[in-house]
Amino acid sequence: MDNAIERLKRHEGLRLKMYTDTVGKQTIGYGHNLTDMPISQEAAEQIFLDDLQIAVNDLMNAKPVVDSLSPERFGVLADMCFNLGISKLLGFKKMWAAIEAGNFDLAAEEMCRSKWAIQVGRRATELAHTMRTDEL
């Protein structure tokens, strides 16, 4: 079966970005037809975990201060990084200055003053609360 799998992979080809196949179906990976067969819950969970690990790695590499934060506050920043990407998260200069000074009330206020907070609504309110109180 190993030879058949390798042949099938070679015939289908690997595409890591979604594309439209020759009959108009949205497809990804080794010919996975998203139009007629959405990804499984297990595949969605794995993609989520992969994406979260990228966000956490980006966050830790860009801002060493996060190593000194509680798990709850670190989780807030990981959530934001997952949502925004590291480059946009780094644009929260006043929030980062407050975090580096240990002023978590001000960091929470800066989160709530952002355009992001307007866009995500309740998510920002919840995350700011955790940043402020260190509680979920």
Protein backbone atom coordinates (compact mmCIF):
# COMPACT_ATOMS: atom_id res chain seq x y z
CA MET A 1 0.00 0.00 0.00
CA ASP A 2 2.94 2.36 0.60
CA ASN A 3 3.74 2.45 -3.12
CA ALA A 4 0.10 3.17 -3.97
CA ILE A 5 0.02 6.02 -1.44
CA GLU A 6 3.21 7.57 -2.82
CA ARG A 7 1.89 7.25 -6.40
CA LEU A 8 -1.43 8.83 -5.45
CA LYS A 9 0.35 11.70 -3.69
CA ARG A 10 2.51 12.22 -6.78
CA HIS A 11 -0.55 12.21 -9.07
CA GLU A 12 -2.56 14.59 -6.87
CA GLY A 13 0.33 16.85 -5.93
CA LEU A 14 0.54 18.77 -2.67
CA ARG A 15 -0.92 22.25 -2.52
CA LEU A 16 -0.79 23.97 0.85
CA LYS A 17 -3.03 26.81 -0.29
CA MET A 18 -6.59 26.35 -1.44
CA TYR A 19 -7.05 26.24 -5.20
CA THR A 20 -9.82 25.57 -7.70
CA ASP A 21 -9.36 22.22 -9.44
CA THR A 22 -10.07 21.46 -13.09
CA VAL A 23 -13.80 20.94 -12.47
CA GLY A 24 -14.28 24.03 -10.28
CA LYS A 25 -14.00 22.42 -6.83
CA GLN A 26 -12.21 24.20 -4.00
CA THR A 27 -9.35 21.87 -3.11
CA ILE A 28 -6.41 21.73 -0.70
CA GLY A 29 -3.61 19.38 0.30
CA TYR A 30 -3.39 16.20 -1.74
CA GLY A 31 -6.59 16.74 -3.70
CA HIS A 32 -8.94 17.16 -0.74
CA ASN A 33 -12.23 18.43 -2.21
CA LEU A 34 -13.45 21.11 0.21
CA THR A 35 -16.51 21.88 -1.88
CA ASP A 36 -18.07 18.46 -1.37
CA MET A 37 -16.23 17.26 1.74
CA PRO A 38 -15.30 19.80 4.42
CA ILE A 39 -12.32 19.03 6.63
CA SER A 40 -12.93 16.82 9.64
CA GLN A 41 -13.13 18.06 13.23
CA GLU A 42 -9.79 16.34 13.84
CA ALA A 43 -8.16 18.13 10.91
CA ALA A 44 -9.57 21.47 12.08
CA GLU A 45 -8.20 20.84 15.58
CA GLN A 46 -4.75 20.00 14.20
CA ILE A 47 -4.69 23.11 11.99
CA PHE A 48 -5.75 25.19 15.00
CA LEU A 49 -2.98 23.73 17.18
CA ASP A 50 -0.41 24.28 14.42
CA ASP A 51 -1.53 27.91 13.99
CA LEU A 52 -1.53 28.50 17.75
CA GLN A 53 2.02 27.14 18.06
CA ILE A 54 3.16 29.54 15.33
CA ALA A 55 1.53 32.46 17.18
CA VAL A 56 3.13 31.42 20.50
CA ASN A 57 6.56 31.04 18.89
CA ASP A 58 6.24 34.42 17.17
CA LEU A 59 5.20 36.05 20.43
CA MET A 60 8.04 34.53 22.43
CA ASN A 61 10.63 35.45 19.81
CA ALA A 62 9.40 39.02 19.39
CA LYS A 63 8.75 39.93 23.03
CA PRO A 64 10.88 38.16 25.64
CA VAL A 65 8.91 39.92 28.40
CA VAL A 66 6.12 37.38 27.86
CA ASP A 67 8.26 34.73 29.59
CA SER A 68 7.76 36.60 32.88
CA LEU A 69 3.96 36.81 32.61
CA SER A 70 1.43 34.60 34.34
CA PRO A 71 -0.14 31.86 32.21
CA GLU A 72 -3.40 33.86 32.06
CA ARG A 73 -1.76 37.06 30.79
CA PHE A 74 0.43 35.09 28.40
CA GLY A 75 -2.76 33.46 27.13
CA VAL A 76 -4.28 36.87 26.45
CA LEU A 77 -1.33 37.83 24.29
CA ALA A 78 -1.30 34.44 22.54
CA ASP A 79 -5.01 34.92 21.77
CA MET A 80 -4.33 38.38 20.36
CA CYS A 81 -1.34 37.14 18.36
CA PHE A 82 -3.39 34.29 16.92
CA ASN A 83 -6.11 36.75 15.93
CA LEU A 84 -3.97 39.63 14.66
CA GLY A 85 -0.63 38.14 13.73
CA ILE A 86 2.60 39.23 15.35
CA SER A 87 3.23 42.28 13.14
CA LYS A 88 -0.10 43.89 14.04
CA LEU A 89 0.19 42.92 17.69
CA LEU A 90 3.57 44.61 17.88
CA GLY A 91 1.80 47.81 16.78
CA PHE A 92 0.15 48.03 20.23
CA LYS A 93 3.10 50.11 21.46
CA LYS A 94 1.39 51.67 24.49
CA MET A 95 0.02 48.32 25.59
CA TRP A 96 3.48 46.76 25.35
CA ALA A 97 5.05 49.64 27.28
CA ALA A 98 2.46 49.15 30.03
CA ILE A 99 3.10 45.39 30.13
CA GLU A 100 6.85 45.94 30.33
CA ALA A 101 6.25 48.36 33.23
CA GLY A 102 4.00 45.83 34.96
CA ASN A 103 1.00 48.17 34.69
CA PHE A 104 -1.66 45.70 33.63
CA ASP A 105 -4.56 48.09 34.25
CA LEU A 106 -3.10 50.47 31.69
CA ALA A 107 -2.32 47.59 29.31
CA ALA A 108 -5.98 46.56 29.49
CA GLU A 109 -7.10 50.15 28.84
CA GLU A 110 -4.84 50.36 25.80
CA MET A 111 -6.29 47.12 24.47
CA CYS A 112 -9.80 48.56 24.80
CA ARG A 113 -8.86 51.84 23.08
CA SER A 114 -7.78 50.08 19.90
CA LYS A 115 -9.49 49.64 16.57
CA TRP A 116 -9.11 45.89 17.19
CA ALA A 117 -11.35 46.17 20.28
CA ILE A 118 -14.11 47.71 18.17
CA GLN A 119 -13.72 44.94 15.59
CA VAL A 120 -13.79 42.01 18.02
CA GLY A 121 -16.12 43.45 20.68
CA ARG A 122 -16.71 41.02 23.52
CA ARG A 123 -13.48 39.17 22.85
CA ALA A 124 -11.51 42.35 23.62
CA THR A 125 -13.55 43.02 26.75
CA GLU A 126 -12.91 39.50 28.04
CA LEU A 127 -9.20 39.61 27.24
CA ALA A 128 -8.78 43.06 28.81
CA HIS A 129 -10.48 41.78 31.96
CA THR A 130 -7.99 38.90 32.16
CA MET A 131 -5.07 41.24 31.48
CA ARG A 132 -6.26 43.54 34.27
CA THR A 133 -7.17 40.93 36.90
CA ASP A 134 -4.99 37.93 35.97
CA GLU A 135 -8.15 35.82 36.16
CA LEU A 136 -10.12 34.05 33.45
